[in-house]
């Protein structure tokens, strides 16, 4: 988690304790010291804000006007541009700073001088604007055709939870749709704790293959995807989708799975009963090794133990298999390719880990409902900016790093260094002013 600058009194003096900086410290306009050789030539003449602005949507200023973020009701308004607004919000959120420290640092950096309450009111109103920015950022196009399996565009969906201080449960949930070929974000949504995981949250197009875990194994979700012309590949959950044989007889999936050998793959043609219709699909299963099956059963017992409900014998038996349901045609993806493709879903789990480690996605500073949504969308915008700044459009997964000669020489990205981008003199002045 990124921490703010802090001071510690030693022998009556107040030297600055070095702490990891914000990844968006580039929103400061204070230049580095002349002796700092980090930037040369054009890099020295171009502010970091200009660099970050180049990664934002081209209409981010117009969006601020559309969402009435910089309207001036009175002539003495300090925040008059979208740049000033984003600098304040992303400094506040990116560095996990309190309101008071955020406005002090921004004023010292030459930005607008506003009160903590003014920044709080801006955060209360900023959620729709930040959501619109994120919606444009996650649709970043790639150069060339994405890697495909059997002509499908593999698209993973998943959600991660966020909790605030003192919380005993989930405060918010981030739902994500990710293209696996190039680890590109296609859609991101933020809901409260009641917002469940569902394929119906996202729009789908023909040629996409929706890849999801057991939470997405529902008849309503599969119906939504297939009506859009896309296909699904989900981890089968007992009771989630009713399956029948092609002759119409109910299918006992556990009975079918018991006959699978250690190295065998089961691939059955089935009917899936959906609301007001049924569709053709396939039930695919493989037996887990004994040690992996025992680990899966242990996780299931722990999960159900936290929910104070008993684990059924059927659920424990089903944990010994990998069972999938898909509407993909066998001639396009055979059973082995479906199992391999489902493993790619872990890319979205890695994306969540990157967000939480680099951007502090799992950190909510307070329990105020009026700013939680804006805070999370600002975090998502921060994550999208970091993805764009650290990689280029590519067909590889994970994204290819920028060539070293495209970066300023001898410069480490802010998230990797222990030195704050502000000079020592500026940091002391900021700390003295804050005190």
Protein backbone atom coordinates (compact mmCIF):
# COMPACT_ATOMS: atom_id res chain seq x y z
CA UNK A 1 0.00 0.00 0.00
CA UNK A 2 1.30 3.42 -0.91
CA UNK A 3 1.83 5.65 2.10
CA UNK A 4 1.99 9.37 2.48
CA UNK A 5 5.01 11.37 3.53
CA UNK A 6 5.40 11.49 7.31
CA UNK A 7 7.77 13.20 9.75
CA UNK A 8 9.39 12.02 12.95
CA UNK A 9 10.81 14.24 15.68
CA UNK A 10 14.42 13.31 16.56
CA UNK A 11 16.29 15.41 19.13
CA UNK A 12 14.01 18.40 18.68
CA UNK A 13 14.41 18.43 14.88
CA UNK A 14 11.86 17.16 12.43
CA UNK A 15 13.70 15.38 9.60
CA UNK A 16 11.58 13.76 6.94
CA UNK A 17 11.22 9.99 7.08
CA UNK A 18 11.47 8.61 3.52
CA UNK A 19 8.39 6.67 2.48
CA UNK A 20 7.27 5.10 -0.80
CA UNK A 21 5.76 7.76 -3.08
CA UNK A 22 2.56 7.82 -5.02
CA UNK A 23 2.60 6.39 -8.54
CA UNK A 24 0.85 9.57 -9.63
CA UNK A 25 3.31 11.99 -8.07
CA UNK A 26 3.77 13.16 -11.67
CA UNK A 27 0.73 15.33 -11.16
CA UNK A 28 3.01 17.70 -9.21
CA UNK A 29 4.41 20.55 -11.25
CA UNK A 30 7.51 21.07 -9.08
CA UNK A 31 10.63 20.30 -11.16
CA UNK A 32 13.45 18.13 -9.92
CA UNK A 33 16.71 19.63 -8.70
CA UNK A 34 19.19 20.80 -11.36
CA UNK A 35 21.68 18.17 -10.20
CA UNK A 36 19.18 15.44 -10.83
CA UNK A 37 20.10 13.85 -14.15
CA UNK A 38 16.91 11.88 -14.46
CA UNK A 39 15.49 13.92 -17.31
CA UNK A 40 17.37 15.28 -20.32
CA UNK A 41 16.47 17.32 -23.39
CA UNK A 42 12.81 17.15 -24.25
CA UNK A 43 11.98 15.27 -21.03
CA UNK A 44 13.14 18.26 -18.99
CA UNK A 45 11.00 20.69 -21.00
CA UNK A 46 7.89 18.50 -20.86
CA UNK A 47 6.06 18.30 -17.57
CA UNK A 48 5.00 14.99 -16.14
CA UNK A 49 1.42 16.19 -16.31
CA UNK A 50 1.75 16.49 -20.09
CA UNK A 51 2.94 12.88 -20.22
CA UNK A 52 0.04 11.60 -18.17
CA UNK A 53 -2.41 13.77 -20.11
CA UNK A 54 -1.35 11.97 -23.29
CA UNK A 55 -2.68 8.69 -21.84
CA UNK A 56 -6.07 10.10 -20.86
CA UNK A 57 -9.05 9.97 -23.25
CA UNK A 58 -8.84 12.76 -25.81
CA UNK A 59 -12.19 14.18 -24.69
CA UNK A 60 -11.50 14.19 -20.95
CA UNK A 61 -11.92 17.99 -20.84
CA UNK A 62 -15.26 17.84 -22.68
CA UNK A 63 -16.41 15.08 -20.33
CA UNK A 64 -15.70 17.32 -17.37
CA UNK A 65 -18.00 19.94 -18.92
CA UNK A 66 -20.69 17.37 -19.73
CA UNK A 67 -20.71 16.14 -16.13
CA UNK A 68 -20.56 19.74 -14.81
CA UNK A 69 -17.37 19.19 -12.84
CA UNK A 70 -15.71 22.58 -13.39
CA UNK A 71 -18.67 24.92 -13.49
CA UNK A 72 -17.96 28.07 -11.52
CA UNK A 73 -20.94 29.23 -9.53
CA UNK A 74 -18.89 32.05 -8.03
CA UNK A 75 -16.09 34.08 -9.58
CA UNK A 76 -13.52 33.09 -6.97
CA UNK A 77 -13.62 29.36 -7.73
CA UNK A 78 -10.13 27.83 -7.54
CA UNK A 79 -10.75 24.66 -9.60
CA UNK A 80 -11.47 25.86 -13.12
CA UNK A 81 -10.00 23.13 -15.36
CA UNK A 82 -10.24 19.36 -15.69
CA UNK A 83 -6.47 19.14 -15.19
CA UNK A 84 -6.67 20.78 -11.77
CA UNK A 85 -9.56 18.55 -10.76
CA UNK A 86 -7.80 15.33 -11.81
CA UNK A 87 -4.55 16.36 -10.17
CA UNK A 88 -6.30 16.88 -6.85
CA UNK A 89 -8.41 13.72 -6.99
CA UNK A 90 -5.68 11.38 -8.19
CA UNK A 91 -3.16 12.76 -5.70
CA UNK A 92 -5.72 12.26 -2.93
CA UNK A 93 -6.59 8.73 -4.05
CA UNK A 94 -3.30 7.56 -5.56
CA UNK A 95 -1.23 8.42 -2.50
CA UNK A 96 -4.00 7.56 0.01
CA UNK A 97 -3.61 11.01 1.56
CA UNK A 98 -6.04 12.69 3.94
CA UNK A 99 -7.97 15.64 2.54
CA UNK A 100 -5.98 18.18 4.54
CA UNK A 101 -2.58 16.85 3.48
CA UNK A 102 -3.71 16.59 -0.16
CA UNK A 103 -4.66 20.26 -0.44
CA UNK A 104 -1.46 21.35 1.36
CA UNK A 105 0.77 19.37 -1.01
CA UNK A 106 -1.10 20.60 -4.06
CA UNK A 107 -0.81 24.22 -2.95
CA UNK A 108 2.92 23.81 -2.29
CA UNK A 109 3.29 22.28 -5.75
CA UNK A 110 1.80 25.36 -7.39
CA UNK A 111 -1.65 23.93 -7.96
CA UNK A 112 -4.98 25.36 -6.85
CA UNK A 113 -5.24 26.25 -3.18
CA UNK A 114 -8.54 24.89 -1.89
CA UNK A 115 -9.95 23.86 1.46
CA UNK A 116 -10.28 20.21 2.51
CA UNK A 117 -14.08 20.59 2.51
CA UNK A 118 -14.01 21.84 -1.09
CA UNK A 119 -12.06 18.75 -2.16
CA UNK A 120 -14.52 16.55 -0.27
CA UNK A 121 -17.46 18.13 -2.10
CA UNK A 122 -15.68 17.63 -5.41
CA UNK A 123 -15.19 13.95 -4.55
CA UNK A 124 -18.92 13.63 -3.79
CA UNK A 125 -19.78 14.86 -7.29
CA UNK A 126 -16.95 13.26 -9.27
CA UNK A 127 -18.12 9.64 -9.51
CA UNK A 128 -20.03 9.95 -12.84
CA UNK A 129 -17.13 11.82 -14.44
CA UNK A 130 -14.54 9.28 -13.25
CA UNK A 131 -16.77 6.43 -14.37
CA UNK A 132 -16.98 7.94 -17.86
CA UNK A 133 -13.17 8.26 -18.00
CA UNK A 134 -12.71 4.64 -16.92
CA UNK A 135 -15.22 3.47 -19.55
CA UNK A 136 -13.09 5.11 -22.25
CA UNK A 137 -9.77 3.98 -20.79
CA UNK A 138 -10.64 0.28 -20.59
CA UNK A 139 -11.51 0.14 -24.28
CA UNK A 140 -7.91 0.87 -25.37
CA UNK A 141 -7.52 -0.72 -28.84
CA UNK A 142 -4.64 -3.02 -29.70
CA UNK A 143 -2.58 -3.16 -32.86
CA UNK A 144 -3.18 -6.25 -34.93
CA UNK A 145 -5.51 -9.18 -34.36
CA UNK A 146 -5.78 -10.56 -30.83
CA UNK A 147 -4.73 -14.12 -30.12
CA UNK A 148 -7.72 -16.38 -30.65
CA UNK A 149 -8.60 -19.98 -29.84
CA UNK A 150 -10.72 -21.63 -32.49
CA UNK A 151 -11.73 -18.19 -33.72
CA UNK A 152 -12.95 -17.13 -30.26
CA UNK A 153 -11.93 -14.02 -28.37
CA UNK A 154 -11.34 -15.33 -24.85
CA UNK A 155 -12.90 -12.87 -22.39
CA UNK A 156 -12.69 -13.47 -18.63
CA UNK A 157 -15.06 -12.02 -16.05
CA UNK A 158 -14.61 -11.86 -12.30
CA UNK A 159 -15.08 -9.60 -9.28
CA UNK A 160 -13.04 -8.59 -6.25
CA UNK A 161 -14.27 -7.15 -2.96
CA UNK A 162 -13.20 -3.99 -1.15
CA UNK A 163 -13.60 -3.33 2.57
CA UNK A 164 -13.21 -0.21 4.65
CA UNK A 165 -11.70 0.32 8.10
CA UNK A 166 -13.49 -1.58 10.85
CA UNK A 167 -15.70 -3.41 8.37
CA UNK A 168 -16.80 -6.99 9.11
CA UNK A 169 -17.94 -7.69 5.56
CA UNK A 170 -17.88 -6.42 2.00
CA UNK A 171 -18.33 -2.68 1.41
CA UNK A 172 -18.02 -2.65 -2.39
CA UNK A 173 -17.35 -4.98 -5.28
CA UNK A 174 -15.41 -4.32 -8.51
CA UNK A 175 -16.67 -6.30 -11.53
CA UNK A 176 -14.20 -6.67 -14.39
CA UNK A 177 -14.28 -7.94 -17.97
CA UNK A 178 -10.81 -8.70 -19.36
CA UNK A 179 -9.65 -9.78 -22.82
CA UNK A 180 -7.15 -12.55 -22.13
CA UNK A 181 -5.15 -12.33 -25.37
CA UNK A 182 -3.60 -8.97 -24.46
CA UNK A 183 -4.80 -8.47 -20.85
CA UNK A 184 -6.90 -5.49 -21.97
CA UNK A 185 -9.73 -4.19 -19.79
CA UNK A 186 -13.03 -4.19 -21.67
CA UNK A 187 -15.39 -3.13 -18.90
CA UNK A 188 -15.23 -2.28 -15.19
CA UNK A 189 -18.14 -1.62 -12.85
CA UNK A 190 -18.36 -0.77 -9.16
CA UNK A 191 -21.32 -1.86 -7.03
CA UNK A 192 -22.15 -2.09 -3.37
CA UNK A 193 -22.03 -5.35 -1.43
CA UNK A 194 -25.40 -6.42 -2.88
CA UNK A 195 -24.10 -6.34 -6.47
CA UNK A 196 -23.69 -10.03 -7.31
CA UNK A 197 -21.44 -11.60 -9.93
CA UNK A 198 -23.34 -12.21 -13.15
CA UNK A 199 -22.70 -12.45 -16.87
CA UNK A 200 -25.67 -10.13 -17.33
CA UNK A 201 -23.63 -7.17 -16.07
CA UNK A 202 -21.69 -6.98 -19.33
CA UNK A 203 -22.47 -6.52 -23.02
CA UNK A 204 -21.40 -9.33 -25.35
CA UNK A 205 -20.72 -9.62 -29.05
CA UNK A 206 -20.57 -12.54 -31.52
CA UNK A 207 -17.16 -14.21 -31.48
CA UNK A 208 -16.57 -13.69 -27.75
CA UNK A 209 -16.20 -16.62 -25.36
CA UNK A 210 -17.18 -15.65 -21.80
CA UNK A 211 -14.92 -17.44 -19.30
CA UNK A 212 -16.05 -17.42 -15.68
CA UNK A 213 -15.88 -19.35 -12.43
CA UNK A 214 -18.73 -21.13 -10.60
CA UNK A 215 -20.41 -17.85 -9.63
CA UNK A 216 -21.23 -17.23 -13.30
CA UNK A 217 -22.70 -20.71 -13.87
CA UNK A 218 -26.34 -19.62 -13.94
CA UNK A 219 -29.11 -20.16 -16.48
CA UNK A 220 -29.95 -16.44 -16.64
CA UNK A 221 -26.33 -15.49 -17.30
CA UNK A 222 -25.84 -18.11 -20.02
CA UNK A 223 -29.13 -17.03 -21.61
CA UNK A 224 -27.95 -13.39 -21.69
CA UNK A 225 -24.63 -14.25 -23.37
CA UNK A 226 -26.01 -16.67 -25.96
CA UNK A 227 -28.83 -14.33 -26.99
CA UNK A 228 -26.13 -11.80 -27.89
CA UNK A 229 -24.49 -14.35 -30.22
CA UNK A 230 -21.51 -15.09 -27.93
CA UNK A 231 -20.58 -18.37 -26.23
CA UNK A 232 -19.74 -19.35 -22.66
CA UNK A 233 -17.11 -21.47 -20.89
CA UNK A 234 -17.87 -21.60 -17.17
CA UNK A 235 -16.99 -23.80 -14.23
CA UNK A 236 -20.07 -25.96 -13.70
CA UNK A 237 -21.79 -25.58 -10.35
CA UNK A 238 -24.24 -28.15 -9.00
CA UNK A 239 -27.72 -26.68 -9.23
CA UNK A 240 -26.63 -23.70 -11.27
CA UNK A 241 -27.68 -24.91 -14.72
CA UNK A 242 -30.04 -27.83 -15.28
CA UNK A 243 -28.56 -30.22 -17.83
CA UNK A 244 -30.27 -32.97 -19.81
CA UNK A 245 -29.12 -35.47 -22.37
CA UNK A 246 -29.88 -34.76 -26.01
CA UNK A 247 -32.77 -37.24 -25.62
CA UNK A 248 -34.25 -35.09 -22.84
CA UNK A 249 -33.42 -37.29 -19.84
CA UNK A 250 -32.07 -35.53 -16.69
CA UNK A 251 -28.26 -35.75 -16.50
CA UNK A 252 -26.58 -36.84 -13.26
CA UNK A 253 -23.20 -35.14 -13.70
CA UNK A 254 -21.60 -36.88 -10.70
CA UNK A 255 -22.60 -40.30 -12.00
CA UNK A 256 -20.99 -39.46 -15.32
CA UNK A 257 -17.86 -38.08 -13.64
CA UNK A 258 -17.29 -41.17 -11.47
CA UNK A 259 -16.46 -43.20 -14.57
CA UNK A 260 -13.61 -40.88 -15.61
CA UNK A 261 -10.11 -42.37 -15.45
CA UNK A 262 -7.09 -40.50 -14.17
CA UNK A 263 -5.95 -39.33 -17.60
CA UNK A 264 -9.33 -39.26 -19.33
CA UNK A 265 -11.50 -36.34 -20.41
CA UNK A 266 -15.30 -36.49 -20.42
CA UNK A 267 -17.01 -34.55 -23.22
CA UNK A 268 -20.81 -34.99 -23.41
CA UNK A 269 -23.34 -33.31 -25.66
CA UNK A 270 -26.12 -31.90 -23.47
CA UNK A 271 -29.15 -29.63 -23.42
CA UNK A 272 -29.10 -26.70 -20.99
CA UNK A 273 -32.51 -25.62 -19.72
CA UNK A 274 -32.71 -21.83 -19.84
CA UNK A 275 -35.66 -19.47 -19.21
CA UNK A 276 -38.32 -20.28 -21.85
CA UNK A 277 -35.92 -22.27 -24.03
CA UNK A 278 -33.10 -24.79 -24.12
CA UNK A 279 -29.77 -24.66 -25.95
CA UNK A 280 -27.18 -27.19 -27.04
CA UNK A 281 -23.99 -27.35 -25.02
CA UNK A 282 -21.27 -29.63 -23.73
CA UNK A 283 -20.42 -30.94 -20.30
CA UNK A 284 -16.65 -31.40 -19.88
CA UNK A 285 -14.98 -32.97 -16.85
CA UNK A 286 -11.65 -34.32 -15.66
CA UNK A 287 -10.59 -35.94 -12.39
CA UNK A 288 -8.20 -34.01 -10.15
CA UNK A 289 -5.13 -35.72 -8.64
CA UNK A 290 -5.77 -36.88 -5.04
CA UNK A 291 -3.71 -34.09 -3.43
CA UNK A 292 -5.36 -31.37 -5.55
CA UNK A 293 -8.80 -32.81 -4.81
CA UNK A 294 -8.12 -32.75 -1.07
CA UNK A 295 -6.98 -29.11 -1.26
CA UNK A 296 -10.17 -28.22 -3.15
CA UNK A 297 -12.31 -29.92 -0.48
CA UNK A 298 -10.43 -28.11 2.27
CA UNK A 299 -11.05 -24.74 0.59
CA UNK A 300 -14.73 -25.64 0.22
CA UNK A 301 -15.05 -26.50 3.91
CA UNK A 302 -13.35 -23.25 4.91
CA UNK A 303 -15.56 -21.20 2.59
CA UNK A 304 -18.76 -22.78 3.82
CA UNK A 305 -17.56 -22.57 7.39
CA UNK A 306 -17.37 -18.78 7.12
CA UNK A 307 -20.96 -18.77 5.81
CA UNK A 308 -22.20 -21.01 8.68
CA UNK A 309 -23.66 -23.62 6.37
CA UNK A 310 -22.99 -27.32 6.06
CA UNK A 311 -21.01 -28.71 3.15
CA UNK A 312 -23.03 -31.38 1.37
CA UNK A 313 -21.57 -34.73 0.41
CA UNK A 314 -22.32 -33.98 -3.25
CA UNK A 315 -20.37 -30.72 -3.11
CA UNK A 316 -17.39 -32.48 -1.53
CA UNK A 317 -17.48 -35.15 -4.22
CA UNK A 318 -17.79 -32.56 -7.00
CA UNK A 319 -14.71 -30.78 -5.63
CA UNK A 320 -12.65 -33.73 -6.83
CA UNK A 321 -13.29 -32.82 -10.47
CA UNK A 322 -12.91 -29.91 -12.84
CA UNK A 323 -16.36 -29.67 -14.46
CA UNK A 324 -17.08 -27.17 -17.21
CA UNK A 325 -20.10 -26.18 -19.25
CA UNK A 326 -19.59 -24.61 -22.66
CA UNK A 327 -21.61 -23.74 -25.73
CA UNK A 328 -18.51 -23.79 -27.95
CA UNK A 329 -18.60 -26.23 -30.85
CA UNK A 330 -16.38 -29.30 -30.52
CA UNK A 331 -14.81 -28.70 -33.93
CA UNK A 332 -13.63 -25.30 -32.72
CA UNK A 333 -12.51 -26.24 -29.18
CA UNK A 334 -12.08 -29.82 -28.08
CA UNK A 335 -12.22 -30.85 -24.41
CA UNK A 336 -8.49 -30.42 -23.81
CA UNK A 337 -8.46 -26.95 -25.32
CA UNK A 338 -11.46 -25.95 -23.20
CA UNK A 339 -9.64 -27.06 -20.05
CA UNK A 340 -6.50 -25.21 -21.10
CA UNK A 341 -8.50 -22.11 -21.97
CA UNK A 342 -10.27 -22.09 -18.61
CA UNK A 343 -6.87 -21.97 -16.88
CA UNK A 344 -6.23 -18.63 -18.64
CA UNK A 345 -8.90 -17.15 -16.38
CA UNK A 346 -6.17 -16.66 -13.75
CA UNK A 347 -4.97 -13.66 -15.75
CA UNK A 348 -7.84 -11.68 -14.27
CA UNK A 349 -6.85 -12.77 -10.75
CA UNK A 350 -3.33 -11.51 -11.46
CA UNK A 351 -4.82 -8.21 -12.64
CA UNK A 352 -6.58 -7.83 -9.29
CA UNK A 353 -3.32 -8.55 -7.46
CA UNK A 354 -1.50 -5.89 -9.51
CA UNK A 355 -4.20 -3.35 -8.79
CA UNK A 356 -4.18 -4.05 -5.07
CA UNK A 357 -0.39 -4.02 -4.74
CA UNK A 358 0.32 -0.99 -6.96
CA UNK A 359 -2.79 1.13 -6.43
CA UNK A 360 -4.11 0.07 -3.04
CA UNK A 361 -7.47 -1.08 -4.41
CA UNK A 362 -8.19 -2.96 -1.19
CA UNK A 363 -7.91 0.24 0.86
CA UNK A 364 -10.89 2.43 1.69
CA UNK A 365 -9.95 5.48 3.78
CA UNK A 366 -13.29 5.97 5.49
CA UNK A 367 -16.83 4.71 5.76
CA UNK A 368 -18.56 7.61 3.98
CA UNK A 369 -20.91 6.32 1.32
CA UNK A 370 -20.95 9.67 -0.50
CA UNK A 371 -17.29 9.40 -1.56
CA UNK A 372 -16.68 5.62 -1.74
CA UNK A 373 -17.83 5.33 -5.36
CA UNK A 374 -15.69 8.25 -6.54
CA UNK A 375 -12.70 6.87 -4.62
CA UNK A 376 -12.96 3.46 -6.29
CA UNK A 377 -13.44 4.86 -9.80
CA UNK A 378 -10.42 7.11 -9.25
CA UNK A 379 -8.46 3.98 -8.26
CA UNK A 380 -9.63 2.28 -11.46
CA UNK A 381 -8.53 5.30 -13.50
CA UNK A 382 -5.16 5.13 -11.75
CA UNK A 383 -4.83 1.43 -12.60
CA UNK A 384 -5.73 2.06 -16.25
CA UNK A 385 -3.15 4.87 -16.43
CA UNK A 386 -0.46 2.61 -14.97
CA UNK A 387 -1.32 -0.14 -17.48
CA UNK A 388 -1.00 2.29 -20.37
CA UNK A 389 2.20 3.89 -19.09
CA UNK A 390 3.92 0.56 -18.37
CA UNK A 391 3.02 -1.27 -21.58
CA UNK A 392 2.25 -0.79 -25.23
CA UNK A 393 -0.62 -2.26 -27.27
CA UNK A 394 0.49 -5.81 -27.94
CA UNK A 395 -0.78 -9.24 -28.85
CA UNK A 396 1.24 -10.81 -26.05
CA UNK A 397 0.06 -11.71 -22.56
CA UNK A 398 1.11 -10.20 -20.20
CA UNK A 399 1.71 -6.85 -21.94
CA UNK A 400 5.13 -6.23 -23.39
CA UNK A 401 7.23 -3.67 -21.53
CA UNK A 402 8.22 -0.48 -23.29
CA UNK A 403 11.67 -0.50 -24.81
CA UNK A 404 14.29 0.90 -22.45
CA UNK A 405 15.35 3.54 -24.96
CA UNK A 406 11.80 4.92 -24.91
CA UNK A 407 12.21 5.87 -21.25
CA UNK A 408 14.25 8.61 -19.67
CA UNK A 409 17.71 7.24 -18.77
CA UNK A 410 18.37 6.05 -15.22
CA UNK A 411 14.77 6.60 -14.15
CA UNK A 412 12.85 4.06 -12.11
CA UNK A 413 9.07 4.21 -12.18
CA UNK A 414 7.74 5.93 -9.05
CA UNK A 415 6.10 2.76 -7.77
CA UNK A 416 9.50 1.02 -7.72
CA UNK A 417 11.63 3.61 -5.93
CA UNK A 418 11.96 4.71 -2.34
CA UNK A 419 12.73 8.33 -3.22
CA UNK A 420 9.93 10.86 -3.44
CA UNK A 421 9.97 12.77 -6.76
CA UNK A 422 9.88 16.07 -4.90
CA UNK A 423 13.28 17.45 -3.97
CA UNK A 424 14.42 17.30 -0.36
CA UNK A 425 14.07 21.06 0.05
CA UNK A 426 10.53 20.99 -1.28
CA UNK A 427 9.60 18.09 1.00
CA UNK A 428 10.88 19.94 4.06
CA UNK A 429 8.94 23.04 3.02
CA UNK A 430 5.77 20.95 2.60
CA UNK A 431 6.25 19.26 5.98
CA UNK A 432 6.89 22.60 7.69
CA UNK A 433 3.84 24.12 6.06
CA UNK A 434 1.68 21.12 7.08
CA UNK A 435 2.93 21.36 10.68
